[in-house]
């Protein structure tokens, strides 16, 4: 699985990198057919409370899933994104079982 992380308007910390790695390991264990994941983290309007945007694009065989969330911390944004991706992957898995 290929992982690409981009941080826009800030430098990613080791703590945030470790958090992302931990979450993606869990995601990869639940769905083994993930080809690549692209994460884009950006800060917009630093004076606003809800200014941390995380977007995740997951490529699997025949599909690309995309989620974008805005929260006050990157950890919260990433949690919400990964939860949404898990739901989408679950739907795809159940469709594949039906065939």
N, C-alpha and C. Protein backbone atom coordinates (compact mmCIF):
# COMPACT_ATOMS: atom_id res chain seq x y z
N UNK A 1 0.84 -1.17 0.00
CA UNK A 1 0.00 0.00 0.00
C UNK A 1 0.89 1.24 0.00
N UNK A 2 0.61 2.14 -0.91
CA UNK A 2 1.37 3.38 -1.03
C UNK A 2 0.64 4.49 -0.26
N UNK A 3 1.39 5.22 0.55
CA UNK A 3 0.81 6.31 1.35
C UNK A 3 1.53 7.60 0.99
N UNK A 4 0.74 8.64 0.67
CA UNK A 4 1.28 9.95 0.34
C UNK A 4 0.60 10.97 1.25
N UNK A 5 1.40 11.70 2.03
CA UNK A 5 0.86 12.71 2.95
C UNK A 5 1.42 14.07 2.55
N UNK A 6 0.51 15.03 2.34
CA UNK A 6 0.89 16.40 2.02
C UNK A 6 0.38 17.31 3.14
N UNK A 7 1.23 18.22 3.58
CA UNK A 7 0.79 19.22 4.55
C UNK A 7 0.96 20.59 3.90
N UNK A 8 -0.13 21.35 3.89
CA UNK A 8 -0.15 22.65 3.23
C UNK A 8 -0.24 23.75 4.29
N UNK A 9 0.65 24.71 4.23
CA UNK A 9 0.71 25.86 5.13
C UNK A 9 1.21 25.50 6.54
N UNK A 10 1.83 24.34 6.72
CA UNK A 10 2.44 23.99 8.00
C UNK A 10 3.34 22.77 7.80
N UNK A 11 4.17 22.49 8.81
CA UNK A 11 5.03 21.30 8.79
C UNK A 11 4.42 20.25 9.71
N UNK A 12 4.36 19.02 9.24
CA UNK A 12 3.75 17.95 10.01
C UNK A 12 4.69 17.55 11.16
N UNK A 13 4.12 17.31 12.34
CA UNK A 13 4.91 16.92 13.50
C UNK A 13 5.05 15.40 13.55
N UNK A 14 6.02 14.94 14.33
CA UNK A 14 6.22 13.49 14.50
C UNK A 14 5.01 12.86 15.18
N UNK A 15 4.41 13.57 16.12
CA UNK A 15 3.24 13.06 16.83
C UNK A 15 2.06 12.85 15.87
N UNK A 16 1.84 13.81 15.00
CA UNK A 16 0.76 13.69 14.01
C UNK A 16 1.07 12.59 13.01
N UNK A 17 2.32 12.46 12.61
CA UNK A 17 2.73 11.40 11.69
C UNK A 17 2.48 10.02 12.32
N UNK A 18 2.82 9.87 13.59
CA UNK A 18 2.60 8.60 14.30
C UNK A 18 1.10 8.30 14.40
N UNK A 19 0.29 9.33 14.66
CA UNK A 19 -1.16 9.18 14.73
C UNK A 19 -1.71 8.68 13.40
N UNK A 20 -1.26 9.28 12.31
CA UNK A 20 -1.72 8.89 10.97
C UNK A 20 -1.32 7.45 10.67
N UNK A 21 -0.07 7.10 10.96
CA UNK A 21 0.41 5.73 10.70
C UNK A 21 -0.41 4.70 11.47
N UNK A 22 -0.72 5.00 12.72
CA UNK A 22 -1.51 4.08 13.56
C UNK A 22 -2.90 3.88 12.97
N UNK A 23 -3.55 4.96 12.57
CA UNK A 23 -4.90 4.89 12.00
C UNK A 23 -4.91 4.15 10.66
N UNK A 24 -3.90 4.40 9.83
CA UNK A 24 -3.86 3.75 8.52
C UNK A 24 -3.55 2.26 8.63
N UNK A 25 -2.78 1.87 9.64
CA UNK A 25 -2.54 0.44 9.87
C UNK A 25 -3.84 -0.29 10.17
N UNK A 26 -4.67 0.32 11.00
CA UNK A 26 -5.97 -0.27 11.33
C UNK A 26 -6.86 -0.35 10.10
N UNK A 27 -6.83 0.68 9.28
CA UNK A 27 -7.64 0.71 8.07
C UNK A 27 -7.17 -0.37 7.09
N UNK A 28 -5.88 -0.54 6.97
CA UNK A 28 -5.33 -1.54 6.06
C UNK A 28 -5.66 -2.96 6.53
N UNK A 29 -5.71 -3.18 7.84
CA UNK A 29 -6.06 -4.51 8.36
C UNK A 29 -7.51 -4.86 8.08
N UNK A 30 -8.39 -3.87 8.10
CA UNK A 30 -9.80 -4.14 7.87
C UNK A 30 -10.14 -4.32 6.40
N UNK A 31 -9.33 -3.76 5.51
CA UNK A 31 -9.57 -3.89 4.07
C UNK A 31 -8.23 -4.02 3.37
N UNK A 32 -7.88 -5.23 2.99
CA UNK A 32 -6.53 -5.53 2.49
C UNK A 32 -6.30 -5.08 1.05
N UNK A 33 -7.32 -4.78 0.29
CA UNK A 33 -7.17 -4.50 -1.13
C UNK A 33 -6.94 -3.02 -1.45
N UNK A 34 -6.53 -2.24 -0.47
CA UNK A 34 -6.24 -0.82 -0.69
C UNK A 34 -4.93 -0.70 -1.47
N UNK A 35 -4.97 0.02 -2.58
CA UNK A 35 -3.78 0.20 -3.41
C UNK A 35 -2.96 1.40 -2.96
N UNK A 36 -3.62 2.53 -2.71
CA UNK A 36 -2.90 3.72 -2.27
C UNK A 36 -3.83 4.65 -1.49
N UNK A 37 -3.19 5.44 -0.64
CA UNK A 37 -3.93 6.43 0.17
C UNK A 37 -3.20 7.75 0.04
N UNK A 38 -3.97 8.81 -0.22
CA UNK A 38 -3.41 10.15 -0.28
C UNK A 38 -4.11 11.01 0.76
N UNK A 39 -3.32 11.61 1.65
CA UNK A 39 -3.86 12.46 2.70
C UNK A 39 -3.36 13.87 2.47
N UNK A 40 -4.28 14.83 2.48
CA UNK A 40 -3.91 16.24 2.36
C UNK A 40 -4.40 16.95 3.61
N UNK A 41 -3.46 17.56 4.32
CA UNK A 41 -3.77 18.32 5.53
C UNK A 41 -3.46 19.78 5.25
N UNK A 42 -4.42 20.65 5.56
CA UNK A 42 -4.15 22.07 5.34
C UNK A 42 -4.82 22.93 6.41
N UNK A 43 -4.23 24.09 6.61
CA UNK A 43 -4.73 25.07 7.57
C UNK A 43 -5.26 26.24 6.77
N UNK A 44 -6.51 26.63 7.06
CA UNK A 44 -7.09 27.79 6.39
C UNK A 44 -7.52 28.81 7.42
N UNK A 45 -7.31 30.05 7.12
CA UNK A 45 -7.70 31.16 7.99
C UNK A 45 -7.32 30.86 9.44
N UNK A 46 -6.08 30.97 9.80
CA UNK A 46 -5.64 30.60 11.15
C UNK A 46 -6.37 31.26 12.31
N UNK A 47 -7.10 32.34 12.07
CA UNK A 47 -7.80 33.00 13.18
C UNK A 47 -9.14 32.32 13.51
N UNK A 48 -9.63 31.46 12.64
CA UNK A 48 -10.90 30.79 12.86
C UNK A 48 -10.65 29.49 13.64
N UNK A 49 -11.58 29.11 14.52
CA UNK A 49 -11.42 27.91 15.34
C UNK A 49 -11.41 26.64 14.50
N UNK A 50 -12.36 26.51 13.58
CA UNK A 50 -12.45 25.32 12.75
C UNK A 50 -11.66 25.55 11.46
N UNK A 51 -10.33 25.39 11.55
CA UNK A 51 -9.50 25.71 10.40
C UNK A 51 -8.60 24.58 9.95
N UNK A 52 -8.74 23.39 10.52
CA UNK A 52 -7.91 22.25 10.14
C UNK A 52 -8.70 21.35 9.20
N UNK A 53 -8.24 21.24 7.96
CA UNK A 53 -8.94 20.46 6.94
C UNK A 53 -8.11 19.22 6.62
N UNK A 54 -8.77 18.07 6.68
CA UNK A 54 -8.13 16.81 6.30
C UNK A 54 -8.95 16.19 5.19
N UNK A 55 -8.28 15.78 4.13
CA UNK A 55 -8.97 15.06 3.06
C UNK A 55 -8.19 13.78 2.78
N UNK A 56 -8.94 12.71 2.59
CA UNK A 56 -8.34 11.40 2.34
C UNK A 56 -8.92 10.85 1.04
N UNK A 57 -8.03 10.38 0.19
CA UNK A 57 -8.42 9.73 -1.06
C UNK A 57 -7.84 8.31 -1.02
N UNK A 58 -8.73 7.32 -1.11
CA UNK A 58 -8.32 5.91 -1.04
C UNK A 58 -8.61 5.26 -2.38
N UNK A 59 -7.57 4.67 -2.97
CA UNK A 59 -7.75 3.98 -4.25
C UNK A 59 -7.77 2.48 -3.99
N UNK A 60 -8.85 1.85 -4.45
CA UNK A 60 -8.95 0.41 -4.41
C UNK A 60 -9.25 -0.05 -5.83
N UNK A 61 -9.25 -1.32 -6.05
CA UNK A 61 -9.46 -1.85 -7.38
C UNK A 61 -10.80 -1.39 -7.93
N UNK A 62 -10.77 -0.55 -8.95
CA UNK A 62 -11.98 -0.11 -9.61
C UNK A 62 -12.68 1.09 -8.99
N UNK A 63 -12.23 1.59 -7.85
CA UNK A 63 -12.89 2.71 -7.18
C UNK A 63 -11.87 3.65 -6.55
N UNK A 64 -12.30 4.89 -6.38
CA UNK A 64 -11.55 5.86 -5.59
C UNK A 64 -12.53 6.49 -4.62
N UNK A 65 -12.23 6.39 -3.34
CA UNK A 65 -13.08 6.95 -2.29
C UNK A 65 -12.46 8.26 -1.82
N UNK A 66 -13.31 9.25 -1.53
CA UNK A 66 -12.80 10.55 -1.10
C UNK A 66 -13.65 11.10 0.02
N UNK A 67 -12.97 11.63 1.05
CA UNK A 67 -13.66 12.26 2.18
C UNK A 67 -12.86 13.49 2.58
N UNK A 68 -13.58 14.57 2.94
CA UNK A 68 -12.93 15.78 3.44
C UNK A 68 -13.71 16.29 4.64
N UNK A 69 -13.00 16.58 5.73
CA UNK A 69 -13.64 17.07 6.96
C UNK A 69 -12.86 18.27 7.50
N UNK A 70 -13.57 19.17 8.16
CA UNK A 70 -12.98 20.35 8.78
C UNK A 70 -13.32 20.36 10.26
N UNK A 71 -12.29 20.46 11.10
CA UNK A 71 -12.47 20.47 12.56
C UNK A 71 -11.44 21.41 13.18
N UNK A 72 -11.42 21.43 14.51
CA UNK A 72 -10.48 22.31 15.20
C UNK A 72 -9.09 21.68 15.36
N UNK A 73 -8.97 20.34 15.23
CA UNK A 73 -7.67 19.68 15.28
C UNK A 73 -7.55 18.70 14.12
N UNK A 74 -6.32 18.42 13.73
CA UNK A 74 -6.12 17.46 12.65
C UNK A 74 -6.50 16.05 13.08
N UNK A 75 -6.26 15.72 14.35
CA UNK A 75 -6.61 14.39 14.84
C UNK A 75 -8.10 14.14 14.72
N UNK A 76 -8.89 15.13 15.10
CA UNK A 76 -10.35 15.01 15.01
C UNK A 76 -10.80 14.90 13.55
N UNK A 77 -10.21 15.72 12.69
CA UNK A 77 -10.55 15.67 11.27
C UNK A 77 -10.21 14.31 10.67
N UNK A 78 -9.03 13.80 11.00
CA UNK A 78 -8.61 12.51 10.48
C UNK A 78 -9.49 11.38 11.00
N UNK A 79 -9.86 11.44 12.28
CA UNK A 79 -10.76 10.42 12.83
C UNK A 79 -12.08 10.37 12.07
N UNK A 80 -12.65 11.53 11.83
CA UNK A 80 -13.93 11.59 11.11
C UNK A 80 -13.77 11.08 9.67
N UNK A 81 -12.67 11.45 9.03
CA UNK A 81 -12.42 11.00 7.66
C UNK A 81 -12.26 9.48 7.60
N UNK A 82 -11.48 8.94 8.51
CA UNK A 82 -11.24 7.50 8.50
C UNK A 82 -12.52 6.73 8.83
N UNK A 83 -13.33 7.26 9.75
CA UNK A 83 -14.62 6.62 10.03
C UNK A 83 -15.50 6.60 8.79
N UNK A 84 -15.52 7.69 8.05
CA UNK A 84 -16.33 7.75 6.81
C UNK A 84 -15.79 6.79 5.76
N UNK A 85 -14.48 6.69 5.65
CA UNK A 85 -13.87 5.77 4.69
C UNK A 85 -14.21 4.33 5.07
N UNK A 86 -14.19 4.02 6.37
CA UNK A 86 -14.54 2.66 6.82
C UNK A 86 -15.96 2.30 6.42
N UNK A 87 -16.88 3.26 6.54
CA UNK A 87 -18.27 3.01 6.15
C UNK A 87 -18.34 2.74 4.66
N UNK A 88 -17.65 3.55 3.86
CA UNK A 88 -17.66 3.36 2.41
C UNK A 88 -17.04 2.01 2.03
N UNK A 89 -15.93 1.65 2.69
CA UNK A 89 -15.30 0.36 2.41
C UNK A 89 -16.20 -0.80 2.81
N UNK A 90 -16.92 -0.63 3.92
CA UNK A 90 -17.86 -1.66 4.34
C UNK A 90 -18.96 -1.88 3.32
N UNK A 91 -19.46 -0.80 2.74
CA UNK A 91 -20.49 -0.92 1.71
C UNK A 91 -19.95 -1.64 0.47
N UNK A 92 -18.74 -1.30 0.08
CA UNK A 92 -18.13 -1.94 -1.08
C UNK A 92 -17.89 -3.42 -0.81
N UNK A 93 -17.42 -3.73 0.41
CA UNK A 93 -17.18 -5.12 0.79
C UNK A 93 -18.46 -5.94 0.75
N UNK A 94 -19.55 -5.36 1.25
CA UNK A 94 -20.82 -6.09 1.26
C UNK A 94 -21.36 -6.29 -0.15
N UNK A 95 -21.13 -5.34 -1.03
CA UNK A 95 -21.53 -5.49 -2.43
C UNK A 95 -20.73 -6.60 -3.10
N UNK A 96 -19.43 -6.66 -2.80
CA UNK A 96 -18.58 -7.70 -3.40
C UNK A 96 -18.98 -9.07 -2.92
N UNK A 97 -19.39 -9.20 -1.66
CA UNK A 97 -19.83 -10.49 -1.14
C UNK A 97 -21.11 -10.96 -1.82
N UNK A 98 -21.94 -10.00 -2.24
CA UNK A 98 -23.21 -10.32 -2.89
C UNK A 98 -23.05 -10.92 -4.27
N UNK A 99 -21.89 -10.68 -4.90
CA UNK A 99 -21.72 -11.18 -6.27
C UNK A 99 -21.27 -12.59 -6.26
